[in-house]
Structure formats: C-alpha cells, structure tokens
C-alpha cells in the first residue's frame, strides 16, 4: 500500500516499475517510475490521464510526439497506440485509467 506518492520509489534499469494504488472495475490508479527506458507500444481499452510528477519524457503516438516536463498532464484515449521514449533517469508518473461504459 502506498501512503505517500514519493515513498519507497523503486527504479529498475531495464523496465518501468508499476505500483498499483487502486484497482476497480472501471478505474485504476498507478504510480510508475522509470529510469530512461523506452517502453513497448501500448494499446489499452482504458482512457488514461497521466501526470508527470518528476523528470521529463516524450510520449510517441503513431502520428505525433508529445514532450512533457514535470507537472505536465497528458490524456490518452482508448486504443490510441503509444509508447514512452526519452524518459529522464528519475521519471515518476501518476496514472489514472478509466474504462468507459
């Protein structure tokens, strides 16, 4: 259980670390820490609202890229294929996932 978003953050060299904060049928909340990785391509059934709490990153979509800095928010629609590239070594995200009925 995470009581403080900045406590006990783990960074792994070869993959992002996803800590589940809450998971329900229609909503999930995760803390994601990264260390410079480029992720695989994602194609999720959830709408995602991601907040970059620390660091900088670029999210690459099939038709564009979005650069993010600390505090920026990005909204990703269901089945909007994307991946995270160029993450700084201490990237920290708070991600909310919503499944629309």
N, C-alpha and C. Protein backbone atom coordinates (compact mmCIF):
# COMPACT_ATOMS: atom_id res chain seq x y z
N UNK A 1 0.85 -1.18 0.00
CA UNK A 1 0.00 0.00 0.00
C UNK A 1 0.89 1.24 0.00
N UNK A 2 0.56 2.18 -0.83
CA UNK A 2 1.31 3.44 -0.92
C UNK A 2 0.56 4.50 -0.11
N UNK A 3 1.21 5.04 0.91
CA UNK A 3 0.61 6.09 1.72
C UNK A 3 1.07 7.48 1.28
N UNK A 4 2.24 7.53 0.63
CA UNK A 4 2.78 8.79 0.13
C UNK A 4 3.38 8.50 -1.24
N UNK A 5 3.01 9.28 -2.23
CA UNK A 5 3.40 9.02 -3.62
C UNK A 5 4.91 9.01 -3.80
N UNK A 6 5.66 9.68 -2.91
CA UNK A 6 7.11 9.79 -3.05
C UNK A 6 7.87 8.80 -2.16
N UNK A 7 7.18 7.95 -1.42
CA UNK A 7 7.84 6.97 -0.54
C UNK A 7 8.17 5.69 -1.29
N UNK A 8 9.31 5.10 -0.95
CA UNK A 8 9.70 3.77 -1.42
C UNK A 8 9.63 3.61 -2.93
N UNK A 9 10.12 4.58 -3.66
CA UNK A 9 10.14 4.51 -5.12
C UNK A 9 11.28 3.60 -5.56
N UNK A 10 10.97 2.66 -6.43
CA UNK A 10 11.98 1.75 -6.97
C UNK A 10 12.22 2.12 -8.43
N UNK A 11 13.48 2.18 -8.82
CA UNK A 11 13.85 2.41 -10.21
C UNK A 11 14.65 1.21 -10.69
N UNK A 12 14.22 0.61 -11.79
CA UNK A 12 14.94 -0.51 -12.39
C UNK A 12 15.53 -0.07 -13.71
N UNK A 13 16.69 -0.58 -14.01
CA UNK A 13 17.41 -0.18 -15.21
C UNK A 13 16.72 -0.61 -16.50
N UNK A 14 16.12 -1.79 -16.53
CA UNK A 14 15.62 -2.33 -17.80
C UNK A 14 14.10 -2.25 -17.99
N UNK A 15 13.37 -1.79 -16.99
CA UNK A 15 11.92 -1.70 -17.16
C UNK A 15 11.32 -0.70 -16.18
N UNK A 16 10.15 -0.19 -16.55
CA UNK A 16 9.42 0.67 -15.64
C UNK A 16 8.90 -0.16 -14.47
N UNK A 17 8.69 0.51 -13.34
CA UNK A 17 8.09 -0.14 -12.17
C UNK A 17 6.70 0.43 -11.99
N UNK A 18 5.70 -0.44 -12.02
CA UNK A 18 4.31 -0.02 -11.87
C UNK A 18 3.81 -0.49 -10.51
N UNK A 19 3.46 0.46 -9.66
CA UNK A 19 2.89 0.16 -8.34
C UNK A 19 1.42 0.51 -8.38
N UNK A 20 0.59 -0.49 -8.19
CA UNK A 20 -0.86 -0.27 -8.23
C UNK A 20 -1.30 0.39 -6.92
N UNK A 21 -2.01 1.50 -7.06
CA UNK A 21 -2.54 2.21 -5.89
C UNK A 21 -3.99 1.79 -5.66
N UNK A 22 -4.74 1.69 -6.75
CA UNK A 22 -6.15 1.29 -6.66
C UNK A 22 -6.54 0.59 -7.95
N UNK A 23 -7.38 -0.43 -7.82
CA UNK A 23 -7.89 -1.11 -9.00
C UNK A 23 -9.34 -1.50 -8.76
N UNK A 24 -10.22 -0.98 -9.61
CA UNK A 24 -11.63 -1.33 -9.57
C UNK A 24 -12.06 -1.74 -10.96
N UNK A 25 -13.33 -2.00 -11.12
CA UNK A 25 -13.84 -2.45 -12.41
C UNK A 25 -13.71 -1.38 -13.49
N UNK A 26 -13.92 -0.13 -13.13
CA UNK A 26 -13.92 0.95 -14.12
C UNK A 26 -12.76 1.92 -13.98
N UNK A 27 -12.02 1.86 -12.87
CA UNK A 27 -10.94 2.82 -12.61
C UNK A 27 -9.73 2.09 -12.03
N UNK A 28 -8.54 2.48 -12.50
CA UNK A 28 -7.28 2.02 -11.92
C UNK A 28 -6.39 3.25 -11.71
N UNK A 29 -5.56 3.20 -10.69
CA UNK A 29 -4.60 4.27 -10.41
C UNK A 29 -3.25 3.61 -10.15
N UNK A 30 -2.21 4.10 -10.82
CA UNK A 30 -0.87 3.53 -10.67
C UNK A 30 0.17 4.61 -10.51
N UNK A 31 1.23 4.26 -9.78
CA UNK A 31 2.44 5.08 -9.75
C UNK A 31 3.44 4.34 -10.63
N UNK A 32 4.07 5.06 -11.53
CA UNK A 32 5.02 4.45 -12.46
C UNK A 32 6.35 5.18 -12.34
N UNK A 33 7.41 4.42 -12.09
CA UNK A 33 8.75 5.02 -12.05
C UNK A 33 9.57 4.46 -13.21
N UNK A 34 10.38 5.32 -13.78
CA UNK A 34 11.18 4.91 -14.93
C UNK A 34 12.59 5.45 -14.78
N UNK A 35 13.46 4.85 -15.57
CA UNK A 35 14.88 5.19 -15.49
C UNK A 35 15.48 5.28 -16.88
N UNK A 36 14.80 5.98 -17.77
CA UNK A 36 15.35 6.18 -19.11
C UNK A 36 14.92 5.16 -20.14
N UNK A 37 14.00 4.27 -19.79
CA UNK A 37 13.59 3.23 -20.73
C UNK A 37 12.70 3.78 -21.84
N UNK A 38 12.68 3.05 -22.94
CA UNK A 38 11.66 3.21 -23.96
C UNK A 38 10.74 2.01 -23.79
N UNK A 39 9.45 2.26 -23.63
CA UNK A 39 8.51 1.17 -23.38
C UNK A 39 8.10 0.50 -24.69
N UNK A 40 7.46 -0.64 -24.55
CA UNK A 40 6.79 -1.26 -25.69
C UNK A 40 5.60 -0.39 -26.08
N UNK A 41 5.03 -0.65 -27.22
CA UNK A 41 3.83 0.06 -27.66
C UNK A 41 2.64 -0.41 -26.82
N UNK A 42 1.80 0.54 -26.38
CA UNK A 42 0.60 0.24 -25.61
C UNK A 42 -0.64 0.48 -26.48
N UNK A 43 -1.62 -0.40 -26.32
CA UNK A 43 -2.93 -0.25 -26.95
C UNK A 43 -3.95 -0.68 -25.91
N UNK A 44 -4.41 0.26 -25.11
CA UNK A 44 -5.24 -0.04 -23.95
C UNK A 44 -6.71 0.26 -24.22
N UNK A 45 -7.57 -0.49 -23.55
CA UNK A 45 -9.00 -0.24 -23.64
C UNK A 45 -9.43 0.89 -22.70
N UNK A 46 -8.51 1.36 -21.85
CA UNK A 46 -8.80 2.42 -20.88
C UNK A 46 -8.44 3.80 -21.45
N UNK A 47 -9.17 4.83 -21.01
CA UNK A 47 -8.73 6.21 -21.20
C UNK A 47 -7.71 6.45 -20.09
N UNK A 48 -6.61 7.09 -20.41
CA UNK A 48 -5.55 7.31 -19.43
C UNK A 48 -5.30 8.81 -19.26
N UNK A 49 -5.20 9.21 -18.01
CA UNK A 49 -4.75 10.56 -17.67
C UNK A 49 -3.46 10.37 -16.89
N UNK A 50 -2.34 10.80 -17.46
CA UNK A 50 -1.03 10.61 -16.83
C UNK A 50 -0.45 11.97 -16.45
N UNK A 51 0.05 12.05 -15.23
CA UNK A 51 0.68 13.26 -14.70
C UNK A 51 2.15 12.93 -14.46
N UNK A 52 3.03 13.71 -15.07
CA UNK A 52 4.47 13.52 -14.85
C UNK A 52 4.86 14.31 -13.60
N UNK A 53 5.15 13.59 -12.52
CA UNK A 53 5.46 14.24 -11.24
C UNK A 53 6.93 14.64 -11.12
N UNK A 54 7.81 13.88 -11.74
CA UNK A 54 9.25 14.15 -11.71
C UNK A 54 9.86 13.82 -13.06
N UNK A 55 10.86 14.59 -13.44
CA UNK A 55 11.61 14.29 -14.65
C UNK A 55 11.02 14.90 -15.91
N UNK A 56 11.39 14.31 -17.03
CA UNK A 56 10.92 14.73 -18.35
C UNK A 56 10.76 13.47 -19.20
N UNK A 57 9.91 13.55 -20.22
CA UNK A 57 9.67 12.38 -21.07
C UNK A 57 9.06 12.82 -22.38
N UNK A 58 9.05 11.91 -23.31
CA UNK A 58 8.34 12.10 -24.57
C UNK A 58 7.43 10.90 -24.76
N UNK A 59 6.17 11.17 -25.10
CA UNK A 59 5.25 10.10 -25.45
C UNK A 59 5.09 10.14 -26.96
N UNK A 60 5.34 9.00 -27.58
CA UNK A 60 5.25 8.88 -29.03
C UNK A 60 3.96 8.16 -29.39
N UNK A 61 3.17 8.81 -30.24
CA UNK A 61 1.97 8.23 -30.81
C UNK A 61 2.28 7.85 -32.25
N UNK A 62 1.38 7.17 -32.91
CA UNK A 62 1.62 6.78 -34.29
C UNK A 62 1.79 7.98 -35.22
N UNK A 63 1.14 9.11 -34.88
CA UNK A 63 1.15 10.26 -35.77
C UNK A 63 1.79 11.52 -35.18
N UNK A 64 2.32 11.43 -33.95
CA UNK A 64 2.91 12.62 -33.33
C UNK A 64 3.69 12.23 -32.08
N UNK A 65 4.46 13.17 -31.57
CA UNK A 65 5.16 13.01 -30.29
C UNK A 65 4.82 14.19 -29.40
N UNK A 66 4.76 13.94 -28.10
CA UNK A 66 4.44 14.98 -27.13
C UNK A 66 5.54 15.01 -26.07
N UNK A 67 6.23 16.15 -25.97
CA UNK A 67 7.25 16.32 -24.94
C UNK A 67 6.61 16.77 -23.65
N UNK A 68 7.05 16.19 -22.54
CA UNK A 68 6.48 16.51 -21.23
C UNK A 68 7.58 16.89 -20.25
N UNK A 69 7.25 17.81 -19.36
CA UNK A 69 8.14 18.18 -18.27
C UNK A 69 7.37 18.02 -16.96
N UNK A 70 8.08 18.12 -15.87
CA UNK A 70 7.49 17.97 -14.54
C UNK A 70 6.20 18.77 -14.43
N UNK A 71 5.13 18.10 -14.02
CA UNK A 71 3.84 18.76 -13.83
C UNK A 71 2.89 18.66 -15.00
N UNK A 72 3.39 18.27 -16.17
CA UNK A 72 2.53 18.18 -17.35
C UNK A 72 1.58 16.98 -17.25
N UNK A 73 0.44 17.14 -17.90
CA UNK A 73 -0.61 16.13 -17.93
C UNK A 73 -0.87 15.76 -19.38
N UNK A 74 -1.05 14.47 -19.64
CA UNK A 74 -1.40 14.02 -20.98
C UNK A 74 -2.62 13.10 -20.87
N UNK A 75 -3.55 13.26 -21.79
CA UNK A 75 -4.74 12.40 -21.85
C UNK A 75 -4.61 11.52 -23.09
N UNK A 76 -4.76 10.21 -22.86
CA UNK A 76 -4.62 9.23 -23.94
C UNK A 76 -5.93 8.48 -24.07
N UNK A 77 -6.52 8.52 -25.24
CA UNK A 77 -7.81 7.89 -25.47
C UNK A 77 -7.68 6.38 -25.60
N UNK A 78 -8.78 5.64 -25.36
CA UNK A 78 -8.73 4.19 -25.53
C UNK A 78 -8.25 3.83 -26.94
N UNK A 79 -7.38 2.84 -27.01
CA UNK A 79 -6.82 2.31 -28.25
C UNK A 79 -6.02 3.33 -29.05
N UNK A 80 -5.55 4.39 -28.38
CA UNK A 80 -4.62 5.33 -29.01
C UNK A 80 -3.22 4.76 -28.77
N UNK A 81 -2.66 4.15 -29.77
CA UNK A 81 -1.40 3.43 -29.63
C UNK A 81 -0.27 4.42 -29.33
N UNK A 82 0.52 4.08 -28.30
CA UNK A 82 1.57 5.00 -27.85
C UNK A 82 2.66 4.23 -27.10
N UNK A 83 3.78 4.91 -26.92
CA UNK A 83 4.86 4.41 -26.07
C UNK A 83 5.59 5.60 -25.47
N UNK A 84 6.32 5.34 -24.40
CA UNK A 84 7.10 6.38 -23.74
C UNK A 84 8.55 6.24 -24.19
N UNK A 85 9.13 7.35 -24.64
CA UNK A 85 10.53 7.38 -25.05
C UNK A 85 11.22 8.55 -24.35
N UNK A 86 12.51 8.53 -24.33
CA UNK A 86 13.32 9.64 -23.81
C UNK A 86 12.93 10.06 -22.39
N UNK A 87 12.70 9.09 -21.52
CA UNK A 87 12.38 9.42 -20.13
C UNK A 87 13.67 9.75 -19.40
N UNK A 88 13.60 10.76 -18.55
CA UNK A 88 14.78 11.10 -17.75
C UNK A 88 15.04 9.98 -16.73
N UNK A 89 16.23 9.92 -16.17
CA UNK A 89 16.59 8.81 -15.28
C UNK A 89 15.77 8.69 -14.00
N UNK A 90 15.03 9.72 -13.65
CA UNK A 90 14.21 9.66 -12.43
C UNK A 90 12.77 10.04 -12.73
N UNK A 91 12.21 9.44 -13.76
CA UNK A 91 10.83 9.74 -14.13
C UNK A 91 9.85 9.14 -13.14
N UNK A 92 8.84 9.92 -12.77
CA UNK A 92 7.80 9.45 -11.86
C UNK A 92 6.45 9.95 -12.37
N UNK A 93 5.53 9.00 -12.55
CA UNK A 93 4.21 9.29 -13.10
C UNK A 93 3.13 8.88 -12.10
N UNK A 94 2.00 9.58 -12.17
CA UNK A 94 0.77 9.15 -11.54
C UNK A 94 -0.22 8.97 -12.68
N UNK A 95 -0.74 7.76 -12.85
CA UNK A 95 -1.59 7.45 -13.99
C UNK A 95 -2.96 6.98 -13.53
N UNK A 96 -3.98 7.56 -14.13
CA UNK A 96 -5.37 7.20 -13.85
C UNK A 96 -5.93 6.56 -15.12
N UNK A 97 -6.56 5.41 -14.98
CA UNK A 97 -7.13 4.69 -16.11
C UNK A 97 -8.64 4.55 -15.91
N UNK A 98 -9.40 4.96 -16.92
CA UNK A 98 -10.86 4.94 -16.84
C UNK A 98 -11.43 4.08 -17.95
N UNK A 99 -12.26 3.13 -17.59
CA UNK A 99 -12.93 2.29 -18.58
C UNK A 99 -14.33 2.87 -18.77
N UNK A 100 -14.59 3.32 -20.00
CA UNK A 100 -15.89 3.93 -20.26
C UNK A 100 -16.90 2.85 -20.59
N UNK A 101 -18.11 3.00 -20.08
CA UNK A 101 -19.16 2.01 -20.32
C UNK A 101 -19.69 2.09 -21.72
